[in-house]
């Protein structure tokens, strides 16, 4: 009997089978589960795993390894691709050497993210190949294909997955003729090969377009795409939406329907899509989250002079926001083709980590309580700026502290701007240790430089706690738990120019209230580092 394999495990297997040697990333669901699976399936001698300070550094490290002849995998969540986009928009021009794959985990429905962005759009903006596996077995095959494509064409390849795929379970399939991979190409010095300048940017752009044209031809016959059913009513299902649709139907595709399973998103296999459109009278496009495929299908129909209607999120036949569950899929199909009579009952959500309270023995309690006491009776005189991470739970009762909160590492810069706006309010920033090292340090440098008056509280538990306890540069271990020197947060704050830097060890019962009060009264940038071990 075959054992069950999760999407995360399948993605990890695919990377290992493709000969990955270096995995870089920054923690964030659902990508962390793939890294954990790689750690569980390999030894340090087989695969080196590095959690870096942020996604930009992670991609640069993975690219450097590729240049040096090492197959590399970048694992990040959706918003992390925003941070990595700067180097990616040049790596696409220079190309890579050994296989370089970017695995991005998207979060339709924003169950654990500040937005529900669609990373396919950024893959298109970077003009690199984008794969979106539709099933757990496809996930394993897609990673292998991505490494092969990357090495053949000298381009980074993006594999976009969703939380639902990483959590899904299917029977593990034996790997056909266990793929044997040769040695990656070694570093070879060539004039200007890795140097992108104004003099070669346009020729490199032309080369990129030529490579994508060749890859598009390859995608026309890709095994990640396929058609089931032979009806006259069409459904084009992108990525894991296909698997959700199969589960909705249960006993098989209704006889009226023809379903296009699409696992290669960019460049789109236009001929295959057009052939499908010629075989149906109307088509419903199912995808998460932006209507990117819907618009591409409509464009393909227009180019082929086809007049069939194309439905989806743009036409509001599918909800324009949120993850698609069985009830939404059934409602969309019933609205177009009522004779299908699909049930709209079933699960339509999942738990949100940010709505769970802090652990009872979390060291952050004493910090939040002390801060709340100091603001008691004059709360309107303060503006509290927060971050993603465990401190988002400070927005829950009984604290309800945060007034402003956006993306990781942004709190210090935003707080400096509020301080400069002359609101007359006292500005407090709550920043996790991982967020501070991610990009908050840059904000602190500028906050000091512009003369902001603010209190920065760095909540230091020595780990990236909310995403599962992964290490960061101030942790004392690496991804596999081996000892590693830790960055000194206080020394960094002092080097940034903060005029008051105080550290409190909550594990040793040191009182934080008095130090927070001094920080609130300080005329400049005050930094209080509250250290306490994460109980989990």
Protein backbone atom coordinates (compact mmCIF):
# COMPACT_ATOMS: atom_id res chain seq x y z
CA UNK A 1 0.00 0.00 0.00
CA UNK A 2 1.33 3.44 -0.92
CA UNK A 3 1.80 5.89 1.93
CA UNK A 4 0.30 9.36 1.91
CA UNK A 5 2.49 12.22 0.77
CA UNK A 6 1.79 15.87 1.52
CA UNK A 7 2.34 18.59 -1.00
CA UNK A 8 5.24 19.90 1.06
CA UNK A 9 6.91 16.50 1.11
CA UNK A 10 6.37 16.08 -2.64
CA UNK A 11 7.99 19.45 -3.36
CA UNK A 12 10.91 18.51 -1.14
CA UNK A 13 11.31 15.15 -2.89
CA UNK A 14 11.32 16.81 -6.26
CA UNK A 15 14.08 19.21 -5.23
CA UNK A 16 16.19 16.41 -3.76
CA UNK A 17 15.73 14.24 -6.85
CA UNK A 18 16.78 17.22 -8.99
CA UNK A 19 20.10 17.40 -7.11
CA UNK A 20 19.58 20.54 -5.03
CA UNK A 21 22.59 21.28 -2.81
CA UNK A 22 21.71 24.64 -1.23
CA UNK A 23 18.36 25.80 0.13
CA UNK A 24 18.00 29.45 1.15
CA UNK A 25 15.00 31.35 2.39
CA UNK A 26 13.20 33.39 4.97
CA UNK A 27 10.54 31.75 7.18
CA UNK A 28 6.90 32.12 6.28
CA UNK A 29 4.05 29.69 5.69
CA UNK A 30 3.51 27.78 3.51
CA UNK A 31 7.11 27.69 2.24
CA UNK A 32 8.61 26.76 5.63
CA UNK A 33 6.94 23.35 5.51
CA UNK A 34 8.89 22.51 2.35
CA UNK A 35 12.19 23.48 3.97
CA UNK A 36 11.30 21.39 7.03
CA UNK A 37 10.58 18.43 4.76
CA UNK A 38 13.98 18.84 3.07
CA UNK A 39 15.66 18.97 6.49
CA UNK A 40 13.87 15.76 7.49
CA UNK A 41 14.82 13.93 4.28
CA UNK A 42 18.49 14.92 3.98
CA UNK A 43 21.73 15.19 5.95
CA UNK A 44 23.91 18.32 6.26
CA UNK A 45 26.37 16.70 3.85
CA UNK A 46 23.67 16.27 1.20
CA UNK A 47 21.86 19.63 1.38
CA UNK A 48 22.92 22.83 3.10
CA UNK A 49 19.95 24.84 4.46
CA UNK A 50 20.29 28.50 5.37
CA UNK A 51 17.64 30.82 6.82
CA UNK A 52 18.93 34.28 5.93
CA UNK A 53 18.15 37.76 7.29
CA UNK A 54 15.72 38.52 4.45
CA UNK A 55 14.53 37.28 1.07
CA UNK A 56 16.72 39.62 -0.96
CA UNK A 57 19.85 38.21 0.66
CA UNK A 58 18.48 34.68 0.27
CA UNK A 59 18.01 35.08 -3.49
CA UNK A 60 21.38 36.74 -3.91
CA UNK A 61 23.02 33.86 -2.01
CA UNK A 62 21.16 31.25 -4.07
CA UNK A 63 22.10 33.03 -7.30
CA UNK A 64 25.74 33.27 -6.26
CA UNK A 65 25.77 29.55 -5.56
CA UNK A 66 24.23 28.94 -9.00
CA UNK A 67 26.97 31.00 -10.62
CA UNK A 68 29.50 28.89 -8.73
CA UNK A 69 27.98 25.63 -10.02
CA UNK A 70 25.63 24.65 -7.18
CA UNK A 71 21.95 23.84 -7.71
CA UNK A 72 19.99 26.14 -5.41
CA UNK A 73 16.41 26.48 -4.19
CA UNK A 74 14.91 29.67 -2.76
CA UNK A 75 11.91 29.08 -0.46
CA UNK A 76 9.82 32.14 0.46
CA UNK A 77 6.22 33.14 1.01
CA UNK A 78 4.28 35.49 -1.23
CA UNK A 79 5.21 38.82 0.36
CA UNK A 80 8.83 37.68 0.47
CA UNK A 81 8.94 37.78 -3.32
CA UNK A 82 8.40 41.54 -3.08
CA UNK A 83 11.69 41.81 -1.18
CA UNK A 84 13.51 39.51 -3.62
CA UNK A 85 12.18 41.27 -6.71
CA UNK A 86 15.05 43.77 -6.89
CA UNK A 87 17.79 41.19 -7.60
CA UNK A 88 15.38 39.01 -9.59
CA UNK A 89 14.81 41.80 -12.12
CA UNK A 90 18.51 41.62 -13.02
CA UNK A 91 19.10 37.89 -12.58
CA UNK A 92 16.53 37.33 -15.33
CA UNK A 93 18.80 39.28 -17.71
CA UNK A 94 22.16 37.79 -16.77
CA UNK A 95 20.68 34.33 -16.39
CA UNK A 96 21.99 31.70 -14.01
CA UNK A 97 24.39 28.77 -14.32
CA UNK A 98 23.48 25.73 -12.22
CA UNK A 99 19.75 25.22 -11.64
CA UNK A 100 18.08 28.04 -9.68
CA UNK A 101 14.44 27.53 -8.63
CA UNK A 102 12.28 29.99 -6.70
CA UNK A 103 9.52 28.28 -4.71
CA UNK A 104 6.90 30.83 -3.64
CA UNK A 105 4.05 29.94 -1.29
CA UNK A 106 0.97 32.10 -1.80
CA UNK A 107 -1.81 32.59 0.74
CA UNK A 108 -5.19 33.09 -0.98
CA UNK A 109 -7.59 34.32 1.68
CA UNK A 110 -4.80 35.88 3.76
CA UNK A 111 -5.07 33.23 6.46
CA UNK A 112 -1.59 34.08 7.73
CA UNK A 113 -0.48 37.10 5.67
CA UNK A 114 -1.15 40.83 5.47
CA UNK A 115 -2.41 40.48 1.89
CA UNK A 116 -3.41 37.80 -0.62
CA UNK A 117 -1.16 38.83 -3.47
CA UNK A 118 -0.75 36.63 -6.52
CA UNK A 119 2.94 35.89 -7.11
CA UNK A 120 2.28 34.84 -10.69
CA UNK A 121 2.02 38.54 -11.53
CA UNK A 122 5.55 39.17 -10.26
CA UNK A 123 6.83 36.15 -12.17
CA UNK A 124 5.30 37.65 -15.30
CA UNK A 125 6.81 41.05 -14.47
CA UNK A 126 10.23 39.41 -14.19
CA UNK A 127 9.53 37.48 -17.41
CA UNK A 128 10.69 34.15 -16.03
CA UNK A 129 9.01 30.76 -16.43
CA UNK A 130 6.20 30.18 -13.91
CA UNK A 131 4.90 26.72 -13.03
CA UNK A 132 1.81 26.08 -10.88
CA UNK A 133 1.34 22.38 -10.05
CA UNK A 134 -2.25 21.13 -9.86
CA UNK A 135 -1.82 18.01 -7.68
CA UNK A 136 0.61 16.56 -5.16
CA UNK A 137 2.28 14.27 -7.76
CA UNK A 138 2.48 17.24 -10.11
CA UNK A 139 4.25 19.21 -7.38
CA UNK A 140 7.06 16.67 -7.27
CA UNK A 141 7.32 16.63 -11.07
CA UNK A 142 7.13 20.43 -11.33
CA UNK A 143 10.18 20.99 -9.13
CA UNK A 144 12.21 18.49 -11.15
CA UNK A 145 11.07 20.14 -14.37
CA UNK A 146 11.90 23.59 -12.97
CA UNK A 147 15.50 22.62 -12.23
CA UNK A 148 15.89 21.01 -15.65
CA UNK A 149 14.45 24.08 -17.41
CA UNK A 150 16.60 26.43 -15.36
CA UNK A 151 19.79 24.61 -16.22
CA UNK A 152 18.91 24.12 -19.90
CA UNK A 153 17.97 27.74 -20.57
CA UNK A 154 20.06 29.52 -17.94
CA UNK A 155 17.04 31.14 -16.28
CA UNK A 156 15.59 31.13 -12.77
CA UNK A 157 12.25 29.32 -12.73
CA UNK A 158 9.42 30.21 -10.35
CA UNK A 159 7.18 27.49 -8.92
CA UNK A 160 4.07 28.99 -7.37
CA UNK A 161 2.13 26.92 -4.82
CA UNK A 162 -0.63 27.70 -2.37
CA UNK A 163 -1.14 26.76 1.25
CA UNK A 164 -3.86 24.30 0.23
CA UNK A 165 -1.48 22.34 -2.01
CA UNK A 166 1.23 22.10 0.66
CA UNK A 167 -1.32 20.72 3.14
CA UNK A 168 -2.98 18.31 0.69
CA UNK A 169 -2.31 14.58 0.93
CA UNK A 170 -2.31 12.04 -1.86
CA UNK A 171 -0.92 8.55 -2.24
CA UNK A 172 2.80 8.60 -2.94
CA UNK A 173 3.55 7.39 -6.43
CA UNK A 174 6.72 5.50 -7.30
CA UNK A 175 9.08 7.78 -9.15
CA UNK A 176 9.28 6.47 -12.70
CA UNK A 177 12.83 5.51 -13.55
CA UNK A 178 14.22 7.46 -10.64
CA UNK A 179 15.54 10.52 -12.38
CA UNK A 180 19.29 10.54 -12.46
CA UNK A 181 20.81 13.97 -12.79
CA UNK A 182 24.29 14.74 -13.93
CA UNK A 183 26.69 17.16 -12.35
CA UNK A 184 25.67 20.82 -12.59
CA UNK A 185 27.69 23.08 -14.89
CA UNK A 186 30.83 24.39 -13.22
CA UNK A 187 31.71 28.06 -12.94
CA UNK A 188 33.22 29.36 -16.13
CA UNK A 189 34.66 32.84 -16.42
CA UNK A 190 33.40 34.74 -19.46
CA UNK A 191 33.66 38.49 -20.12
CA UNK A 192 30.44 40.29 -19.05
CA UNK A 193 28.55 37.03 -18.52
CA UNK A 194 27.51 38.02 -15.00
CA UNK A 195 27.86 41.77 -15.43
CA UNK A 196 24.66 43.63 -16.34
CA UNK A 197 25.24 47.19 -17.54
CA UNK A 198 23.31 49.72 -19.64
CA UNK A 199 25.41 48.65 -22.63
CA UNK A 200 24.09 45.08 -22.57
CA UNK A 201 20.70 45.36 -20.83
CA UNK A 202 18.74 45.54 -24.10
CA UNK A 203 20.60 42.67 -25.83
CA UNK A 204 20.10 40.58 -22.68
CA UNK A 205 16.40 41.50 -22.73
CA UNK A 206 16.16 40.31 -26.34
CA UNK A 207 17.89 37.07 -25.36
CA UNK A 208 15.42 36.60 -22.50
CA UNK A 209 12.49 36.96 -24.92
CA UNK A 210 14.00 34.39 -27.28
CA UNK A 211 14.46 31.93 -24.42
CA UNK A 212 10.86 32.38 -23.32
CA UNK A 213 9.63 31.74 -26.87
CA UNK A 214 11.48 28.43 -26.86
CA UNK A 215 10.12 27.53 -23.42
CA UNK A 216 6.58 28.36 -24.56
CA UNK A 217 6.94 25.79 -27.34
CA UNK A 218 8.06 23.28 -24.73
CA UNK A 219 5.07 24.06 -22.50
CA UNK A 220 2.64 23.27 -25.33
CA UNK A 221 3.33 19.58 -24.75
CA UNK A 222 4.03 19.66 -21.01
CA UNK A 223 2.70 16.80 -18.88
CA UNK A 224 1.68 19.41 -16.28
CA UNK A 225 -1.18 20.35 -18.62
CA UNK A 226 -4.04 18.12 -19.70
CA UNK A 227 -7.73 17.80 -20.56
CA UNK A 228 -10.36 15.60 -18.93
CA UNK A 229 -13.94 15.14 -20.08
CA UNK A 230 -15.39 15.78 -23.53
CA UNK A 231 -18.38 18.06 -22.92
CA UNK A 232 -19.13 21.41 -24.54
CA UNK A 233 -18.94 23.45 -21.32
CA UNK A 234 -15.35 24.31 -20.47
CA UNK A 235 -13.48 24.91 -17.24
CA UNK A 236 -9.89 26.14 -17.26
CA UNK A 237 -8.43 25.36 -13.84
CA UNK A 238 -5.08 26.85 -12.84
CA UNK A 239 -2.85 25.05 -10.38
CA UNK A 240 -4.44 23.53 -7.29
CA UNK A 241 -7.89 24.81 -8.27
CA UNK A 242 -7.96 21.73 -10.51
CA UNK A 243 -7.55 19.41 -7.52
CA UNK A 244 -10.27 21.28 -5.62
CA UNK A 245 -12.56 20.86 -8.61
CA UNK A 246 -11.87 17.12 -8.82
CA UNK A 247 -12.70 16.76 -5.12
CA UNK A 248 -15.93 18.72 -5.63
CA UNK A 249 -17.09 16.35 -8.38
CA UNK A 250 -16.10 13.26 -6.43
CA UNK A 251 -17.26 10.47 -8.75
CA UNK A 252 -15.85 11.95 -11.93
CA UNK A 253 -16.27 14.80 -14.36
CA UNK A 254 -19.95 15.52 -15.21
CA UNK A 255 -20.64 14.53 -18.83
CA UNK A 256 -21.33 18.10 -19.99
CA UNK A 257 -17.93 19.39 -18.89
CA UNK A 258 -14.45 19.50 -20.39
CA UNK A 259 -11.67 20.57 -17.99
CA UNK A 260 -8.29 22.05 -18.89
CA UNK A 261 -5.73 21.45 -16.16
CA UNK A 262 -3.04 24.11 -16.50
CA UNK A 263 0.25 23.77 -14.64
CA UNK A 264 2.46 25.96 -16.84
CA UNK A 265 1.32 29.54 -16.45
CA UNK A 266 4.06 31.68 -18.01
CA UNK A 267 4.77 31.65 -20.83
CA UNK A 268 1.23 30.47 -21.49
CA UNK A 269 0.88 27.54 -23.93
CA UNK A 270 -1.42 29.59 -26.15
CA UNK A 271 -1.89 26.94 -28.82
CA UNK A 272 -3.02 24.38 -26.27
CA UNK A 273 -5.39 26.88 -24.68
CA UNK A 274 -6.78 27.89 -28.08
CA UNK A 275 -7.36 24.27 -29.07
CA UNK A 276 -9.34 23.79 -25.86
CA UNK A 277 -11.40 26.92 -26.53
CA UNK A 278 -12.34 25.66 -29.99
CA UNK A 279 -13.85 22.56 -28.39
CA UNK A 280 -16.21 24.33 -25.95
CA UNK A 281 -19.13 26.78 -26.11
CA UNK A 282 -18.21 28.73 -22.98
CA UNK A 283 -15.44 28.60 -20.41
CA UNK A 284 -15.23 29.29 -16.69
CA UNK A 285 -11.72 30.14 -15.43
CA UNK A 286 -10.85 29.07 -11.89
CA UNK A 287 -7.69 30.46 -10.33
CA UNK A 288 -6.32 32.05 -7.16
CA UNK A 289 -6.09 34.97 -6.68
CA UNK A 290 -5.93 37.55 -9.51
CA UNK A 291 -7.83 37.03 -12.80
CA UNK A 292 -4.57 36.62 -14.73
CA UNK A 293 -5.42 33.40 -16.54
CA UNK A 294 -8.94 34.62 -17.21
CA UNK A 295 -7.59 37.67 -19.04
CA UNK A 296 -5.03 35.56 -20.89
CA UNK A 297 -7.75 33.12 -22.01
CA UNK A 298 -9.94 36.01 -23.15
CA UNK A 299 -6.98 37.41 -25.09
CA UNK A 300 -6.28 34.02 -26.70
CA UNK A 301 -9.92 33.72 -27.74
CA UNK A 302 -9.87 37.17 -29.29
CA UNK A 303 -6.63 36.46 -31.17
CA UNK A 304 -8.21 33.30 -32.61
CA UNK A 305 -11.41 35.20 -33.56
CA UNK A 306 -13.46 33.06 -31.16
CA UNK A 307 -16.60 34.61 -29.68
CA UNK A 308 -17.31 32.23 -26.82
CA UNK A 309 -17.95 33.85 -23.40
CA UNK A 310 -15.18 33.67 -20.79
CA UNK A 311 -16.29 33.80 -17.15
CA UNK A 312 -14.33 34.14 -13.93
CA UNK A 313 -13.37 36.67 -11.29
CA UNK A 314 -13.47 39.63 -13.67
CA UNK A 315 -17.09 38.86 -14.52
CA UNK A 316 -17.93 38.25 -10.82
CA UNK A 317 -19.05 34.68 -11.50
CA UNK A 318 -16.25 33.72 -9.11
CA UNK A 319 -15.67 35.74 -5.91
CA UNK A 320 -13.19 38.50 -6.63
CA UNK A 321 -11.26 37.97 -3.40
CA UNK A 322 -10.47 35.15 -1.00
CA UNK A 323 -9.55 31.49 -1.28
CA UNK A 324 -11.81 29.22 -3.29
CA UNK A 325 -13.40 26.38 -1.35
CA UNK A 326 -16.00 23.84 -2.47
CA UNK A 327 -18.98 26.13 -1.71
CA UNK A 328 -17.59 28.96 -3.88
CA UNK A 329 -16.71 26.58 -6.72
CA UNK A 330 -20.14 24.97 -6.62
CA UNK A 331 -21.91 28.34 -6.51
CA UNK A 332 -19.95 29.59 -9.55
CA UNK A 333 -20.78 26.47 -11.56
CA UNK A 334 -24.46 26.49 -10.52
CA UNK A 335 -24.81 30.16 -11.49
CA UNK A 336 -23.69 29.39 -15.05
CA UNK A 337 -25.02 25.88 -15.50
CA UNK A 338 -27.85 25.25 -13.01
CA UNK A 339 -28.50 21.73 -14.30
CA UNK A 340 -25.31 20.58 -12.54
CA UNK A 341 -27.08 21.02 -9.16
CA UNK A 342 -23.89 20.97 -7.09
CA UNK A 343 -24.13 21.25 -3.33
CA UNK A 344 -22.80 24.49 -1.85
CA UNK A 345 -22.29 23.02 1.62
CA UNK A 346 -18.85 22.39 3.06
CA UNK A 347 -15.80 24.02 4.57
CA UNK A 348 -15.26 27.68 3.67
CA UNK A 349 -12.39 28.75 5.89
CA UNK A 350 -9.62 27.84 8.31
CA UNK A 351 -8.00 29.16 11.48
CA UNK A 352 -6.10 32.44 11.45
CA UNK A 353 -2.90 32.30 13.54
CA UNK A 354 -3.05 36.03 14.28
CA UNK A 355 -6.37 35.55 16.11
CA UNK A 356 -4.88 33.13 18.58
CA UNK A 357 -3.73 34.68 21.88
CA UNK A 358 -0.16 34.63 23.12
CA UNK A 359 0.95 31.45 24.84
CA UNK A 360 0.26 31.66 28.58
CA UNK A 361 3.96 31.61 29.49
CA UNK A 362 5.08 33.91 26.65
CA UNK A 363 7.65 36.46 27.87
CA UNK A 364 5.91 39.17 25.82
CA UNK A 365 3.06 39.33 28.36
CA UNK A 366 5.06 41.31 30.91
CA UNK A 367 6.25 43.74 28.23
CA UNK A 368 2.77 44.38 26.87
CA UNK A 369 1.31 44.68 30.36
CA UNK A 370 3.97 47.21 31.41
CA UNK A 371 3.45 49.26 28.26
CA UNK A 372 -0.34 49.21 28.68
CA UNK A 373 0.01 50.42 32.29
CA UNK A 374 2.25 53.30 31.24
CA UNK A 375 -0.31 54.42 28.65
CA UNK A 376 -3.34 53.84 30.87
CA UNK A 377 -5.54 56.90 31.10
CA UNK A 378 -3.73 58.71 28.28
CA UNK A 379 -3.89 56.19 25.44
CA UNK A 380 -4.76 58.88 22.90
CA UNK A 381 -1.39 60.51 23.55
CA UNK A 382 0.43 57.51 22.03
CA UNK A 383 0.76 55.90 18.61
CA UNK A 384 1.90 52.26 18.70
CA UNK A 385 3.32 50.80 15.50
CA UNK A 386 3.64 47.02 15.16
CA UNK A 387 5.00 44.25 12.94
CA UNK A 388 4.05 40.81 11.66
CA UNK A 389 5.10 38.06 14.05
CA UNK A 390 3.98 37.19 17.56
CA UNK A 391 3.46 40.82 18.47
CA UNK A 392 0.42 40.95 16.17
CA UNK A 393 -1.35 39.26 19.06
CA UNK A 394 -0.91 42.47 21.04
CA UNK A 395 -3.90 43.71 19.04
CA UNK A 396 -6.11 41.17 20.83
CA UNK A 397 -7.77 41.76 24.21
CA UNK A 398 -6.72 42.57 26.84
CA UNK A 399 -3.92 44.67 25.27
CA UNK A 400 -5.26 46.01 21.94
CA UNK A 401 -2.06 48.00 21.54
CA UNK A 402 -1.40 48.46 17.82
CA UNK A 403 -2.55 51.54 15.91
CA UNK A 404 -0.51 50.89 12.73
CA UNK A 405 0.84 47.63 11.32
CA UNK A 406 1.92 46.78 7.77
CA UNK A 407 4.73 44.57 6.43
CA UNK A 408 7.74 42.90 7.98
CA UNK A 409 10.48 45.33 9.01
CA UNK A 410 8.37 48.40 8.26
CA UNK A 411 7.45 49.54 11.76
CA UNK A 412 10.58 51.58 12.52
CA UNK A 413 10.49 53.59 9.30
CA UNK A 414 6.76 54.25 9.66
CA UNK A 415 7.22 55.23 13.31
CA UNK A 416 9.97 57.68 12.34
CA UNK A 417 7.61 59.29 9.83
CA UNK A 418 4.86 59.59 12.42
CA UNK A 419 7.35 61.15 14.85
CA UNK A 420 8.34 63.72 12.21
CA UNK A 421 4.71 64.59 11.44
CA UNK A 422 4.41 66.69 14.61
CA UNK A 423 1.22 65.02 15.82
CA UNK A 424 2.26 65.67 19.39
CA UNK A 425 1.84 61.95 20.08
CA UNK A 426 4.51 59.77 21.72
CA UNK A 427 5.52 57.10 19.21
CA UNK A 428 6.20 53.49 20.27
CA UNK A 429 7.41 50.74 17.95
CA UNK A 430 7.07 47.01 18.66
CA UNK A 431 9.49 45.04 16.49
CA UNK A 432 10.47 41.39 16.69
CA UNK A 433 14.12 40.37 16.62
CA UNK A 434 13.73 38.64 13.26
CA UNK A 435 11.90 41.66 11.78
CA UNK A 436 14.62 43.99 13.08
CA UNK A 437 17.29 41.96 11.30
CA UNK A 438 15.11 41.51 8.20
CA UNK A 439 14.94 45.21 7.33
CA UNK A 440 14.15 47.11 10.51
CA UNK A 441 17.81 47.99 11.12
CA UNK A 442 17.78 50.21 8.05
CA UNK A 443 14.80 52.08 9.48
CA UNK A 444 16.62 52.58 12.78
CA UNK A 445 19.64 54.08 11.02
CA UNK A 446 17.41 56.66 9.35
CA UNK A 447 15.25 57.28 12.44
CA UNK A 448 18.37 58.32 14.32
CA UNK A 449 19.68 60.35 11.38
CA UNK A 450 16.48 62.40 10.97
CA UNK A 451 16.20 63.06 14.72
CA UNK A 452 12.96 61.15 15.40
CA UNK A 453 11.73 61.00 19.00
CA UNK A 454 10.47 57.49 19.56
CA UNK A 455 10.73 54.33 21.66
CA UNK A 456 11.67 51.11 19.90
CA UNK A 457 10.96 47.90 21.79
CA UNK A 458 12.72 44.90 20.23
CA UNK A 459 10.99 41.72 21.36
CA UNK A 460 13.84 39.23 21.35
CA UNK A 461 13.00 35.56 21.77
CA UNK A 462 15.95 34.31 19.73
CA UNK A 463 13.87 32.75 16.97
CA UNK A 464 11.32 33.38 14.22
CA UNK A 465 8.57 32.12 16.49
CA UNK A 466 5.23 32.55 14.74
CA UNK A 467 6.38 30.75 11.56
CA UNK A 468 7.64 27.73 13.49
CA UNK A 469 10.80 28.63 15.40
CA UNK A 470 13.31 28.96 12.57
CA UNK A 471 16.67 30.59 13.41
CA UNK A 472 17.78 34.05 12.30
CA UNK A 473 21.20 35.78 12.53
CA UNK A 474 20.71 36.52 16.24
CA UNK A 475 19.91 32.87 17.01
CA UNK A 476 22.56 30.60 18.48
CA UNK A 477 21.90 27.68 16.14
CA UNK A 478 21.53 27.07 12.41
CA UNK A 479 18.61 25.43 10.57
CA UNK A 480 19.70 21.95 11.68
CA UNK A 481 20.25 22.95 15.30
CA UNK A 482 24.06 23.12 15.21
CA UNK A 483 25.73 25.92 17.23
CA UNK A 484 26.44 29.16 15.41
CA UNK A 485 27.61 32.62 16.60
CA UNK A 486 24.72 35.04 17.18
CA UNK A 487 24.54 38.68 16.15
CA UNK A 488 24.47 41.15 19.08
CA UNK A 489 21.25 43.17 18.79
CA UNK A 490 22.35 45.80 21.31
CA UNK A 491 25.62 46.34 19.47
CA UNK A 492 23.73 46.79 16.20
CA UNK A 493 21.39 49.34 17.78
CA UNK A 494 24.34 51.26 19.23
CA UNK A 495 26.18 51.16 15.91
CA UNK A 496 23.04 52.56 14.25
CA UNK A 497 23.41 55.56 16.54
CA UNK A 498 20.59 55.03 19.04
CA UNK A 499 21.30 57.31 22.00
CA UNK A 500 19.68 55.04 24.60
CA UNK A 501 20.03 51.26 24.37
CA UNK A 502 18.90 49.07 27.27
CA UNK A 503 18.50 45.29 27.47
CA UNK A 504 16.18 43.45 29.86
CA UNK A 505 16.35 39.71 30.51
CA UNK A 506 12.76 38.69 31.21
CA UNK A 507 13.82 35.08 31.86
CA UNK A 508 15.75 36.27 34.90
CA UNK A 509 12.83 38.27 36.23
CA UNK A 510 14.28 41.67 35.40
CA UNK A 511 11.69 44.45 35.58
CA UNK A 512 10.90 46.14 32.29
CA UNK A 513 8.39 48.78 33.35
CA UNK A 514 10.94 51.29 34.65
CA UNK A 515 13.13 51.01 31.57
CA UNK A 516 10.13 51.47 29.26
CA UNK A 517 9.17 54.58 31.22
CA UNK A 518 12.67 56.04 30.80
CA UNK A 519 12.50 55.24 27.10
CA UNK A 520 9.18 57.04 26.74
CA UNK A 521 10.67 60.12 28.44
CA UNK A 522 13.88 60.06 26.39
CA UNK A 523 14.35 62.91 23.92
CA UNK A 524 15.59 60.95 20.91
CA UNK A 525 15.56 57.35 19.74
CA UNK A 526 15.44 54.95 22.69
CA UNK A 527 15.85 51.21 22.16
CA UNK A 528 14.74 48.64 24.73
CA UNK A 529 15.58 45.00 23.98
CA UNK A 530 13.24 42.68 25.87
CA UNK A 531 14.80 39.22 25.86
CA UNK A 532 12.81 36.15 26.82
CA UNK A 533 12.95 32.56 25.62
CA UNK A 534 10.05 31.40 23.46
CA UNK A 535 8.27 28.66 25.47
CA UNK A 536 7.51 26.70 22.28
